């Protein structure tokens, strides 16, 4: 049974936060409108956002398959 999208996002953000370095001046944010739902899980797309300048630095693909 697949988990809900909101539960999958919590897992995804938990993973992203565990991989982040507090010394960096950017963060990854999930872009909901690009999320793809498949029978095996979700594919999330993220944007790399500067925490200093409040601007988008780069479009970045982060694939997370969650069951």
PDB file of N, CA and C in Angstrom:
ATOM      1  N   UNK A   1       0.836  -1.188   0.000  1.00  0.00           N
ATOM      2  CA  UNK A   1       0.000   0.000   0.000  1.00  0.00           C
ATOM      3  C   UNK A   1       0.883   1.255   0.000  1.00  0.00           C
ATOM      4  N   UNK A   2       0.581   2.169  -0.879  1.00  0.00           N
ATOM      5  CA  UNK A   2       1.355   3.395  -0.991  1.00  0.00           C
ATOM      6  C   UNK A   2       0.917   4.402   0.072  1.00  0.00           C
ATOM      7  N   UNK A   3       1.870   5.179   0.589  1.00  0.00           N
ATOM      8  CA  UNK A   3       1.536   6.196   1.579  1.00  0.00           C
ATOM      9  C   UNK A   3       0.947   7.418   0.885  1.00  0.00           C
ATOM     10  N   UNK A   4       0.315   8.295   1.655  1.00  0.00           N
ATOM     11  CA  UNK A   4      -0.301   9.497   1.085  1.00  0.00           C
ATOM     12  C   UNK A   4       0.778  10.483   0.640  1.00  0.00           C
ATOM     13  N   UNK A   5       0.371  11.430  -0.190  1.00  0.00           N
ATOM     14  CA  UNK A   5       1.311  12.438  -0.688  1.00  0.00           C
ATOM     15  C   UNK A   5       1.865  13.268   0.463  1.00  0.00           C
ATOM     16  N   UNK A   6       1.034  13.637   1.418  1.00  0.00           N
ATOM     17  CA  UNK A   6       1.517  14.444   2.542  1.00  0.00           C
ATOM     18  C   UNK A   6       2.519  13.663   3.390  1.00  0.00           C
ATOM     19  N   UNK A   7       2.278  12.366   3.592  1.00  0.00           N
ATOM     20  CA  UNK A   7       3.234  11.539   4.327  1.00  0.00           C
ATOM     21  C   UNK A   7       4.539  11.398   3.544  1.00  0.00           C
ATOM     22  N   UNK A   8       4.423  11.236   2.234  1.00  0.00           N
ATOM     23  CA  UNK A   8       5.610  11.115   1.382  1.00  0.00           C
ATOM     24  C   UNK A   8       6.436  12.399   1.430  1.00  0.00           C
ATOM     25  N   UNK A   9       5.766  13.556   1.431  1.00  0.00           N
ATOM     26  CA  UNK A   9       6.480  14.833   1.513  1.00  0.00           C
ATOM     27  C   UNK A   9       7.216  14.961   2.844  1.00  0.00           C
ATOM     28  N   UNK A  10       6.612  14.497   3.929  1.00  0.00           N
ATOM     29  CA  UNK A  10       7.283  14.534   5.234  1.00  0.00           C
ATOM     30  C   UNK A  10       8.562  13.707   5.199  1.00  0.00           C
ATOM     31  N   UNK A  11       8.474  12.513   4.593  1.00  0.00           N
ATOM     32  CA  UNK A  11       9.649  11.651   4.469  1.00  0.00           C
ATOM     33  C   UNK A  11      10.697  12.326   3.582  1.00  0.00           C
ATOM     34  N   UNK A  12      10.259  12.923   2.491  1.00  0.00           N
ATOM     35  CA  UNK A  12      11.178  13.592   1.566  1.00  0.00           C
ATOM     36  C   UNK A  12      11.892  14.751   2.252  1.00  0.00           C
ATOM     37  N   UNK A  13      11.142  15.591   2.971  1.00  0.00           N
ATOM     38  CA  UNK A  13      11.763  16.714   3.669  1.00  0.00           C
ATOM     39  C   UNK A  13      12.688  16.241   4.782  1.00  0.00           C
ATOM     40  N   UNK A  14      12.328  15.170   5.445  1.00  0.00           N
ATOM     41  CA  UNK A  14      13.198  14.604   6.471  1.00  0.00           C
ATOM     42  C   UNK A  14      14.527  14.185   5.848  1.00  0.00           C
ATOM     43  N   UNK A  15      14.449  13.528   4.696  1.00  0.00           N
ATOM     44  CA  UNK A  15      15.667  13.121   3.974  1.00  0.00           C
ATOM     45  C   UNK A  15      16.482  14.341   3.545  1.00  0.00           C
ATOM     46  N   UNK A  16      15.811  15.326   2.940  1.00  0.00           N
ATOM     47  CA  UNK A  16      16.523  16.520   2.479  1.00  0.00           C
ATOM     48  C   UNK A  16      17.197  17.242   3.639  1.00  0.00           C
ATOM     49  N   UNK A  17      16.502  17.355   4.769  1.00  0.00           N
ATOM     50  CA  UNK A  17      17.066  18.031   5.936  1.00  0.00           C
ATOM     51  C   UNK A  17      18.246  17.261   6.512  1.00  0.00           C
ATOM     52  N   UNK A  18      18.198  15.940   6.447  1.00  0.00           N
ATOM     53  CA  UNK A  18      19.303  15.137   6.969  1.00  0.00           C
ATOM     54  C   UNK A  18      20.552  15.273   6.105  1.00  0.00           C
ATOM     55  N   UNK A  19      20.364  15.622   4.861  1.00  0.00           N
ATOM     56  CA  UNK A  19      21.482  15.761   3.924  1.00  0.00           C
ATOM     57  C   UNK A  19      22.000  17.198   3.833  1.00  0.00           C
ATOM     58  N   UNK A  20      21.315  18.138   4.460  1.00  0.00           N
ATOM     59  CA  UNK A  20      21.708  19.542   4.317  1.00  0.00           C
ATOM     60  C   UNK A  20      22.809  19.895   5.304  1.00  0.00           C
ATOM     61  N   UNK A  21      23.550  20.902   4.951  1.00  0.00           N
ATOM     62  CA  UNK A  21      24.629  21.416   5.777  1.00  0.00           C
ATOM     63  C   UNK A  21      24.207  22.805   6.235  1.00  0.00           C
ATOM     64  N   UNK A  22      24.125  23.012   7.527  1.00  0.00           N
ATOM     65  CA  UNK A  22      23.647  24.299   8.054  1.00  0.00           C
ATOM     66  C   UNK A  22      24.558  25.463   7.678  1.00  0.00           C
ATOM     67  N   UNK A  23      25.766  25.173   7.198  1.00  0.00           N
ATOM     68  CA  UNK A  23      26.697  26.227   6.797  1.00  0.00           C
ATOM     69  C   UNK A  23      26.422  26.732   5.382  1.00  0.00           C
ATOM     70  N   UNK A  24      25.609  26.014   4.643  1.00  0.00           N
ATOM     71  CA  UNK A  24      25.297  26.419   3.264  1.00  0.00           C
ATOM     72  C   UNK A  24      24.278  27.545   3.269  1.00  0.00           C
ATOM     73  N   UNK A  25      24.312  28.342   2.209  1.00  0.00           N
ATOM     74  CA  UNK A  25      23.376  29.461   2.102  1.00  0.00           C
ATOM     75  C   UNK A  25      22.234  29.161   1.133  1.00  0.00           C
ATOM     76  N   UNK A  26      21.860  27.873   1.035  1.00  0.00           N
ATOM     77  CA  UNK A  26      20.728  27.502   0.191  1.00  0.00           C
ATOM     78  C   UNK A  26      19.984  26.323   0.816  1.00  0.00           C
ATOM     79  N   UNK A  27      18.764  26.117   0.334  1.00  0.00           N
ATOM     80  CA  UNK A  27      17.949  25.001   0.791  1.00  0.00           C
ATOM     81  C   UNK A  27      17.176  24.434  -0.392  1.00  0.00           C
ATOM     82  N   UNK A  28      16.781  23.175  -0.312  1.00  0.00           N
ATOM     83  CA  UNK A  28      15.961  22.557  -1.348  1.00  0.00           C
ATOM     84  C   UNK A  28      14.501  22.599  -0.920  1.00  0.00           C
ATOM     85  N   UNK A  29      13.640  23.029  -1.823  1.00  0.00           N
ATOM     86  CA  UNK A  29      12.207  23.138  -1.563  1.00  0.00           C
ATOM     87  C   UNK A  29      11.459  22.318  -2.609  1.00  0.00           C
ATOM     88  N   UNK A  30      10.529  21.486  -2.177  1.00  0.00           N
ATOM     89  CA  UNK A  30       9.732  20.668  -3.101  1.00  0.00           C
ATOM     90  C   UNK A  30       8.740  21.560  -3.844  1.00  0.00           C
ATOM     91  N   UNK A  31       8.659  21.375  -5.164  1.00  0.00           N
ATOM     92  CA  UNK A  31       7.716  22.123  -6.005  1.00  0.00           C
ATOM     93  C   UNK A  31       6.507  21.218  -6.241  1.00  0.00           C
ATOM     94  N   UNK A  32       5.420  21.472  -5.511  1.00  0.00           N
ATOM     95  CA  UNK A  32       4.241  20.598  -5.542  1.00  0.00           C
ATOM     96  C   UNK A  32       3.639  20.403  -6.923  1.00  0.00           C
ATOM     97  N   UNK A  33       3.596  21.454  -7.719  1.00  0.00           N
ATOM     98  CA  UNK A  33       2.930  21.345  -9.019  1.00  0.00           C
ATOM     99  C   UNK A  33       3.649  20.424  -9.999  1.00  0.00           C
ATOM    100  N   UNK A  34       4.900  20.073  -9.717  1.00  0.00           N
ATOM    101  CA  UNK A  34       5.639  19.153 -10.579  1.00  0.00           C
ATOM    102  C   UNK A  34       5.680  17.723 -10.052  1.00  0.00           C
ATOM    103  N   UNK A  35       5.117  17.488  -8.869  1.00  0.00           N
ATOM    104  CA  UNK A  35       5.134  16.149  -8.281  1.00  0.00           C
ATOM    105  C   UNK A  35       4.361  15.179  -9.166  1.00  0.00           C
ATOM    106  N   UNK A  36       4.951  14.014  -9.391  1.00  0.00           N
ATOM    107  CA  UNK A  36       4.329  12.975 -10.212  1.00  0.00           C
ATOM    108  C   UNK A  36       3.982  11.794  -9.311  1.00  0.00           C
ATOM    109  N   UNK A  37       2.752  11.335  -9.409  1.00  0.00           N
ATOM    110  CA  UNK A  37       2.321  10.173  -8.643  1.00  0.00           C
ATOM    111  C   UNK A  37       2.293   8.954  -9.553  1.00  0.00           C
ATOM    112  N   UNK A  38       2.992   7.913  -9.146  1.00  0.00           N
ATOM    113  CA  UNK A  38       3.025   6.643  -9.872  1.00  0.00           C
ATOM    114  C   UNK A  38       2.482   5.551  -8.970  1.00  0.00           C
ATOM    115  N   UNK A  39       2.239   4.378  -9.505  1.00  0.00           N
ATOM    116  CA  UNK A  39       1.714   3.273  -8.705  1.00  0.00           C
ATOM    117  C   UNK A  39       2.729   2.806  -7.659  1.00  0.00           C
ATOM    118  N   UNK A  40       4.001   3.102  -7.862  1.00  0.00           N
ATOM    119  CA  UNK A  40       5.049   2.674  -6.933  1.00  0.00           C
ATOM    120  C   UNK A  40       5.501   3.781  -5.981  1.00  0.00           C
ATOM    121  N   UNK A  41       5.016   5.006  -6.152  1.00  0.00           N
ATOM    122  CA  UNK A  41       5.411   6.094  -5.253  1.00  0.00           C
ATOM    123  C   UNK A  41       5.314   7.449  -5.920  1.00  0.00           C
ATOM    124  N   UNK A  42       6.066   8.408  -5.387  1.00  0.00           N
ATOM    125  CA  UNK A  42       6.032   9.784  -5.860  1.00  0.00           C
ATOM    126  C   UNK A  42       7.396  10.195  -6.384  1.00  0.00           C
ATOM    127  N   UNK A  43       7.380  11.068  -7.375  1.00  0.00           N
ATOM    128  CA  UNK A  43       8.600  11.677  -7.895  1.00  0.00           C
ATOM    129  C   UNK A  43       8.498  13.156  -7.566  1.00  0.00           C
ATOM    130  N   UNK A  44       9.419  13.632  -6.719  1.00  0.00           N
ATOM    131  CA  UNK A  44       9.405  15.030  -6.303  1.00  0.00           C
ATOM    132  C   UNK A  44      10.478  15.816  -7.046  1.00  0.00           C
ATOM    133  N   UNK A  45      10.143  17.034  -7.412  1.00  0.00           N
ATOM    134  CA  UNK A  45      11.096  17.966  -8.000  1.00  0.00           C
ATOM    135  C   UNK A  45      11.347  19.052  -6.971  1.00  0.00           C
ATOM    136  N   UNK A  46      12.597  19.480  -6.891  1.00  0.00           N
ATOM    137  CA  UNK A  46      12.942  20.511  -5.925  1.00  0.00           C
ATOM    138  C   UNK A  46      13.578  21.705  -6.622  1.00  0.00           C
ATOM    139  N   UNK A  47      13.530  22.838  -5.930  1.00  0.00           N
ATOM    140  CA  UNK A  47      14.213  24.051  -6.373  1.00  0.00           C
ATOM    141  C   UNK A  47      15.252  24.382  -5.321  1.00  0.00           C
ATOM    142  N   UNK A  48      16.424  24.735  -5.772  1.00  0.00           N
ATOM    143  CA  UNK A  48      17.494  25.177  -4.899  1.00  0.00           C
ATOM    144  C   UNK A  48      17.293  26.675  -4.658  1.00  0.00           C
ATOM    145  N   UNK A  49      17.056  27.064  -3.410  1.00  0.00           N
ATOM    146  CA  UNK A  49      16.737  28.448  -3.081  1.00  0.00           C
ATOM    147  C   UNK A  49      17.799  29.007  -2.139  1.00  0.00           C
ATOM    148  N   UNK A  50      18.264  30.217  -2.443  1.00  0.00           N
ATOM    149  CA  UNK A  50      19.234  30.885  -1.585  1.00  0.00           C
ATOM    150  C   UNK A  50      18.545  31.348  -0.316  1.00  0.00           C
ATOM    151  N   UNK A  51      19.142  31.055   0.838  1.00  0.00           N
ATOM    152  CA  UNK A  51      18.582  31.528   2.102  1.00  0.00           C
ATOM    153  C   UNK A  51      19.090  32.932   2.432  1.00  0.00           C
ATOM    154  N   UNK A  52      20.085  33.384   1.697  1.00  0.00           N
ATOM    155  CA  UNK A  52      20.615  34.727   1.929  1.00  0.00           C
ATOM    156  C   UNK A  52      19.955  35.769   1.038  1.00  0.00           C
ATOM    157  N   UNK A  53      19.743  35.415  -0.211  1.00  0.00           N
ATOM    158  CA  UNK A  53      19.224  36.378  -1.185  1.00  0.00           C
ATOM    159  C   UNK A  53      17.756  36.157  -1.530  1.00  0.00           C
ATOM    160  N   UNK A  54      17.153  35.083  -1.003  1.00  0.00           N
ATOM    161  CA  UNK A  54      15.752  34.767  -1.279  1.00  0.00           C
ATOM    162  C   UNK A  54      15.473  34.685  -2.773  1.00  0.00           C
ATOM    163  N   UNK A  55      16.335  34.012  -3.495  1.00  0.00           N
ATOM    164  CA  UNK A  55      16.121  33.833  -4.927  1.00  0.00           C
ATOM    165  C   UNK A  55      16.381  32.382  -5.309  1.00  0.00           C
ATOM    166  N   UNK A  56      15.787  31.972  -6.399  1.00  0.00           N
ATOM    167  CA  UNK A  56      15.993  30.620  -6.903  1.00  0.00           C
ATOM    168  C   UNK A  56      17.332  30.566  -7.619  1.00  0.00           C
ATOM    169  N   UNK A  57      18.171  29.600  -7.223  1.00  0.00           N
ATOM    170  CA  UNK A  57      19.496  29.483  -7.821  1.00  0.00           C
ATOM    171  C   UNK A  57      19.525  28.527  -8.998  1.00  0.00           C
ATOM    172  N   UNK A  58      18.739  27.458  -8.898  1.00  0.00           N
ATOM    173  CA  UNK A  58      18.864  26.418  -9.911  1.00  0.00           C
ATOM    174  C   UNK A  58      17.685  25.461  -9.794  1.00  0.00           C
ATOM    175  N   UNK A  59      17.173  24.971 -10.914  1.00  0.00           N
ATOM    176  CA  UNK A  59      16.163  23.921 -10.892  1.00  0.00           C
ATOM    177  C   UNK A  59      16.911  22.603 -10.745  1.00  0.00           C
ATOM    178  N   UNK A  60      16.418  21.747  -9.889  1.00  0.00           N
ATOM    179  CA  UNK A  60      17.152  20.553  -9.515  1.00  0.00           C
ATOM    180  C   UNK A  60      16.166  19.382  -9.423  1.00  0.00           C
ATOM    181  N   UNK A  61      16.525  18.276  -9.986  1.00  0.00           N
ATOM    182  CA  UNK A  61      15.666  17.087  -9.917  1.00  0.00           C
ATOM    183  C   UNK A  61      16.079  16.236  -8.730  1.00  0.00           C
ATOM    184  N   UNK A  62      15.123  15.982  -7.858  1.00  0.00           N
ATOM    185  CA  UNK A  62      15.353  15.086  -6.732  1.00  0.00           C
ATOM    186  C   UNK A  62      14.298  13.995  -6.847  1.00  0.00           C
ATOM    187  N   UNK A  63      14.724  12.795  -7.094  1.00  0.00           N
ATOM    188  CA  UNK A  63      13.779  11.694  -7.274  1.00  0.00           C
ATOM    189  C   UNK A  63      13.713  10.914  -5.972  1.00  0.00           C
ATOM    190  N   UNK A  64      12.512  10.766  -5.457  1.00  0.00           N
ATOM    191  CA  UNK A  64      12.305   9.963  -4.265  1.00  0.00           C
ATOM    192  C   UNK A  64      11.125   9.047  -4.534  1.00  0.00           C
ATOM    193  N   UNK A  65      11.371   7.766  -4.487  1.00  0.00           N
ATOM    194  CA  UNK A  65      10.323   6.794  -4.704  1.00  0.00           C
ATOM    195  C   UNK A  65       9.888   6.287  -3.337  1.00  0.00           C
ATOM    196  N   UNK A  66       8.650   6.533  -2.988  1.00  0.00           N
ATOM    197  CA  UNK A  66       8.142   6.185  -1.667  1.00  0.00           C
ATOM    198  C   UNK A  66       6.970   5.255  -1.813  1.00  0.00           C
ATOM    199  N   UNK A  67       6.977   4.208  -1.028  1.00  0.00           N
ATOM    200  CA  UNK A  67       5.918   3.194  -1.089  1.00  0.00           C
ATOM    201  C   UNK A  67       4.963   3.369   0.058  1.00  0.00           C
TER     202      UNK A  67
END
